[in-house]
C-alpha cells in the first residue's frame, strides 16, 4: 500500500481546505457491513474496472442557511457545494492521473435531474455508502450519513482510483441517537422509525415533494 501517496493526497486536501477526507478499499463493497446491500453494478470496481481505492471528501452545509430551507438561499448554497465537490474531486483525480494512477471523479449527482428521478429514483453511485465505508460516519434513521463534525449536514464527493491506498477504519459506533426529530420534521412523510436499512426512505414521496419545490426554485 502506498502510504506516501495517501499522505500527499491528505496534504492536497488540506491545501484545498477540505474538512472531511476518508479512504475505502474497493473490496469493502464485496463484504458489506449490513444487508440488504446494493447490486454489484453500483460497485466502484464495476463503474471503473481496475479501481482499488475510493477517496471520499465531505463539505458542510452551513447551518444558518440550512435553517432557511426551503428557500432560494438554500437552493443556491446546494448548487455551490455541488460545484465545489465536482471541482475538488476533479482536481484530486488529476493529481493522481499526473502521477501515473488512472483515476476518475464521480459527479456529485449521478442522475439526470428531478424528472429522471421521478421516473426512476436511482443514482449510479452512492456517495453516502462510500463515505460510510471510508469511515466518515454512520447511517441515521433518516437514511443520511451522520458525521461527528456536522451531523447530516454534509455533501460528499468521490474519486475512484487504481492506487492502492491504506483504507481508513470503518466506524463501529452509532452516531444516531434515535430522537426521531428527522421523522417528525420530514415534509414529505417519507421516513419511518426503523433503523436503516430496514427503514428506507419513501423515494416516491420524497421525489414528488422535491419536484414541487423545484417548480418554485426553492429546492436542490
Protein backbone atom coordinates (compact mmCIF):
# COMPACT_ATOMS: atom_id res chain seq x y z
CA UNK A 1 0.00 0.00 0.00
CA UNK A 2 1.18 3.47 -0.85
CA UNK A 3 1.32 5.37 2.45
CA UNK A 4 3.35 8.23 0.98
CA UNK A 5 0.79 8.82 -1.76
CA UNK A 6 -2.02 8.91 0.78
CA UNK A 7 -0.09 11.48 2.80
CA UNK A 8 0.29 13.57 -0.37
CA UNK A 9 -3.46 13.30 -1.03
CA UNK A 10 -4.31 14.40 2.50
CA UNK A 11 -1.91 17.33 2.18
CA UNK A 12 -3.54 18.28 -1.12
CA UNK A 13 -6.96 18.19 0.54
CA UNK A 14 -5.67 20.34 3.37
CA UNK A 15 -4.44 22.90 0.85
CA UNK A 16 -7.95 22.99 -0.66
CA UNK A 17 -9.45 23.37 2.85
CA UNK A 18 -11.48 20.17 2.57
CA UNK A 19 -12.54 19.32 6.15
CA UNK A 20 -13.53 15.66 5.70
CA UNK A 21 -11.49 13.04 3.83
CA UNK A 22 -11.61 9.26 4.02
CA UNK A 23 -10.37 6.29 2.01
CA UNK A 24 -12.06 2.93 1.42
CA UNK A 25 -10.67 -0.09 -0.40
CA UNK A 26 -12.98 -1.36 -3.14
CA UNK A 27 -13.14 -4.84 -1.62
CA UNK A 28 -15.30 -3.37 1.15
CA UNK A 29 -18.18 -3.24 -1.33
CA UNK A 30 -17.84 -7.02 -1.69
CA UNK A 31 -18.01 -7.51 2.10
CA UNK A 32 -20.79 -5.08 3.10
CA UNK A 33 -21.35 -4.16 6.75
CA UNK A 34 -25.08 -4.93 6.52
CA UNK A 35 -27.74 -6.48 4.30
CA UNK A 36 -29.52 -5.79 2.01
CA UNK A 37 -26.70 -4.19 0.05
CA UNK A 38 -26.59 -2.55 -3.38
CA UNK A 39 -26.43 -4.52 -6.66
CA UNK A 40 -22.92 -5.25 -7.97
CA UNK A 41 -23.29 -2.88 -10.93
CA UNK A 42 -23.14 0.02 -8.44
CA UNK A 43 -19.77 -1.07 -7.02
CA UNK A 44 -16.85 1.26 -7.83
CA UNK A 45 -14.92 -1.58 -9.49
CA UNK A 46 -17.90 -2.15 -11.79
CA UNK A 47 -18.08 1.53 -12.71
CA UNK A 48 -14.31 1.86 -13.15
CA UNK A 49 -12.63 -1.53 -13.66
CA UNK A 50 -9.23 -1.59 -12.01
CA UNK A 51 -10.24 0.71 -9.17
CA UNK A 52 -8.64 -0.33 -5.89
CA UNK A 53 -9.46 2.62 -3.65
CA UNK A 54 -12.19 5.23 -3.24
CA UNK A 55 -11.34 8.66 -1.85
CA UNK A 56 -14.34 10.42 -0.31
CA UNK A 57 -14.44 14.10 0.60
CA UNK A 58 -17.12 15.99 2.50
CA UNK A 59 -18.14 19.64 2.63
CA UNK A 60 -20.50 21.00 5.29
CA UNK A 61 -23.85 22.64 4.62
CA UNK A 62 -23.83 25.83 6.68
CA UNK A 63 -26.47 25.67 9.40
CA UNK A 64 -27.62 29.32 9.16
CA UNK A 65 -28.52 28.77 5.50
CA UNK A 66 -29.97 25.31 6.04
CA UNK A 67 -32.29 26.81 8.65
CA UNK A 68 -33.96 28.86 5.89
CA UNK A 69 -34.87 25.80 3.78
CA UNK A 70 -36.85 25.53 1.61
CA UNK A 71 -35.55 28.79 0.18
CA UNK A 72 -33.74 30.31 -2.78
CA UNK A 73 -30.82 30.85 -0.42
CA UNK A 74 -30.54 27.13 0.32
CA UNK A 75 -31.09 26.29 -3.34
CA UNK A 76 -28.05 28.39 -4.26
CA UNK A 77 -25.90 27.02 -1.42
CA UNK A 78 -26.70 23.47 -2.53
CA UNK A 79 -25.58 24.27 -6.07
CA UNK A 80 -22.41 25.95 -4.80
CA UNK A 81 -21.42 22.94 -2.67
CA UNK A 82 -22.07 20.54 -5.55
CA UNK A 83 -19.91 22.64 -7.85
CA UNK A 84 -17.09 22.71 -5.31
CA UNK A 85 -17.30 18.94 -4.79
CA UNK A 86 -17.04 18.32 -8.53
CA UNK A 87 -14.10 20.71 -8.81
CA UNK A 88 -12.22 19.25 -5.84
CA UNK A 89 -12.72 15.63 -6.87
CA UNK A 90 -11.70 16.51 -10.43
CA UNK A 91 -8.51 18.10 -9.07
CA UNK A 92 -7.75 15.05 -6.94
CA UNK A 93 -8.29 12.74 -9.92
CA UNK A 94 -5.97 14.95 -12.00
CA UNK A 95 -3.39 14.87 -9.19
CA UNK A 96 -3.43 11.05 -9.27
CA UNK A 97 -3.51 10.74 -13.06
CA UNK A 98 -0.47 13.00 -13.30
CA UNK A 99 1.37 10.60 -11.01
CA UNK A 100 0.56 7.54 -13.08
CA UNK A 101 -2.52 6.27 -11.24
CA UNK A 102 -5.58 6.17 -13.54
CA UNK A 103 -8.43 7.82 -11.65
CA UNK A 104 -11.90 9.26 -12.26
CA UNK A 105 -14.07 11.59 -10.23
CA UNK A 106 -17.74 10.77 -9.76
CA UNK A 107 -20.09 13.73 -10.36
CA UNK A 108 -21.94 14.70 -7.23
CA UNK A 109 -25.39 13.96 -8.67
CA UNK A 110 -25.31 10.79 -10.75
CA UNK A 111 -28.76 11.16 -12.26
CA UNK A 112 -30.48 13.21 -14.92
CA UNK A 113 -32.40 15.69 -12.78
CA UNK A 114 -35.64 15.64 -10.81
CA UNK A 115 -37.78 14.38 -13.70
CA UNK A 116 -35.42 11.45 -14.24
CA UNK A 117 -35.67 10.65 -10.53
CA UNK A 118 -39.46 10.68 -10.69
CA UNK A 119 -39.29 8.01 -13.38
CA UNK A 120 -36.50 6.00 -11.71
CA UNK A 121 -35.24 7.24 -8.31
CA UNK A 122 -31.75 5.75 -8.60
CA UNK A 123 -28.26 7.28 -8.98
CA UNK A 124 -25.40 5.27 -10.48
CA UNK A 125 -23.13 5.67 -7.43
CA UNK A 126 -23.85 6.19 -3.73
CA UNK A 127 -21.51 8.74 -2.16
CA UNK A 128 -23.08 8.20 1.27
CA UNK A 129 -22.32 4.47 1.21
CA UNK A 130 -18.80 5.30 0.06
CA UNK A 131 -18.47 7.74 2.97
CA UNK A 132 -19.66 5.04 5.36
CA UNK A 133 -17.04 2.59 4.06
CA UNK A 134 -14.39 5.33 4.22
CA UNK A 135 -15.01 5.80 7.94
CA UNK A 136 -16.55 9.26 7.77
CA UNK A 137 -19.79 8.47 9.60
CA UNK A 138 -22.72 6.14 10.22
CA UNK A 139 -26.28 5.98 8.93
CA UNK A 140 -29.17 7.53 10.82
CA UNK A 141 -32.88 6.78 10.88
CA UNK A 142 -33.15 9.47 8.20
CA UNK A 143 -31.07 7.25 5.84
CA UNK A 144 -28.48 10.05 5.66
CA UNK A 145 -24.88 9.64 6.73
CA UNK A 146 -24.23 11.27 10.10
CA UNK A 147 -20.77 12.65 10.84
CA UNK A 148 -19.30 13.56 14.25
CA UNK A 149 -18.38 17.00 12.94
CA UNK A 150 -21.54 18.10 11.14
CA UNK A 151 -24.25 15.52 11.75
CA UNK A 152 -26.19 15.02 8.49
CA UNK A 153 -25.28 18.48 7.15
CA UNK A 154 -22.65 17.18 4.72
CA UNK A 155 -22.41 16.67 0.97
CA UNK A 156 -19.97 14.07 -0.31
CA UNK A 157 -17.94 13.53 -3.48
CA UNK A 158 -15.78 10.58 -4.53
CA UNK A 159 -12.74 9.65 -6.60
CA UNK A 160 -12.17 6.12 -7.90
CA UNK A 161 -8.50 5.30 -8.34
CA UNK A 162 -6.24 2.40 -9.25
CA UNK A 163 -3.87 3.48 -6.47
CA UNK A 164 -3.67 1.02 -3.59
CA UNK A 165 -4.15 3.36 -0.64
CA UNK A 166 -4.30 2.48 3.07
CA UNK A 167 -8.01 2.49 3.97
CA UNK A 168 -9.41 4.29 6.98
CA UNK A 169 -11.23 2.23 9.63
CA UNK A 170 -15.00 1.93 9.36
CA UNK A 171 -16.68 3.44 12.40
CA UNK A 172 -18.01 0.86 14.84
CA UNK A 173 -20.13 3.27 16.91
CA UNK A 174 -23.62 4.53 16.07
CA UNK A 175 -23.95 8.30 15.84
CA UNK A 176 -27.75 8.27 15.58
CA UNK A 177 -29.45 8.79 18.97
CA UNK A 178 -32.88 7.86 17.52
CA UNK A 179 -34.56 11.07 18.69
CA UNK A 180 -36.94 10.78 15.71
CA UNK A 181 -36.81 14.51 15.03
CA UNK A 182 -35.99 13.73 11.38
CA UNK A 183 -39.11 11.54 11.07
CA UNK A 184 -41.27 14.25 12.62
CA UNK A 185 -39.76 17.04 10.52
CA UNK A 186 -39.77 15.34 7.09
CA UNK A 187 -42.17 17.44 4.96
CA UNK A 188 -42.94 14.50 2.68
CA UNK A 189 -43.56 11.98 5.45
CA UNK A 190 -41.00 9.80 3.69
CA UNK A 191 -39.30 8.35 6.80
CA UNK A 192 -40.32 5.74 9.34
CA UNK A 193 -38.89 4.94 12.75
CA UNK A 194 -36.96 1.83 11.76
CA UNK A 195 -33.19 1.91 11.51
CA UNK A 196 -31.50 1.84 8.11
CA UNK A 197 -31.51 -0.39 6.08
CA UNK A 198 -34.77 -1.90 7.41
CA UNK A 199 -36.34 1.53 7.34
CA UNK A 200 -35.96 3.00 3.87
CA UNK A 201 -36.89 6.42 2.53
CA UNK A 202 -40.12 6.51 0.56
CA UNK A 203 -38.38 7.66 -2.60
CA UNK A 204 -41.60 8.41 -4.48
CA UNK A 205 -42.90 10.69 -1.72
CA UNK A 206 -39.53 12.40 -1.33
CA UNK A 207 -39.13 12.95 -5.07
CA UNK A 208 -42.64 14.32 -5.53
CA UNK A 209 -42.11 16.80 -2.71
CA UNK A 210 -38.77 17.86 -4.21
CA UNK A 211 -40.37 18.25 -7.64
CA UNK A 212 -42.96 20.61 -6.19
CA UNK A 213 -40.24 22.71 -4.55
CA UNK A 214 -38.18 22.65 -7.75
CA UNK A 215 -41.02 24.25 -9.67
CA UNK A 216 -40.74 27.15 -7.21
CA UNK A 217 -36.92 27.21 -7.49
CA UNK A 218 -36.51 26.62 -3.77
CA UNK A 219 -35.25 23.03 -3.66
CA UNK A 220 -31.92 21.42 -4.53
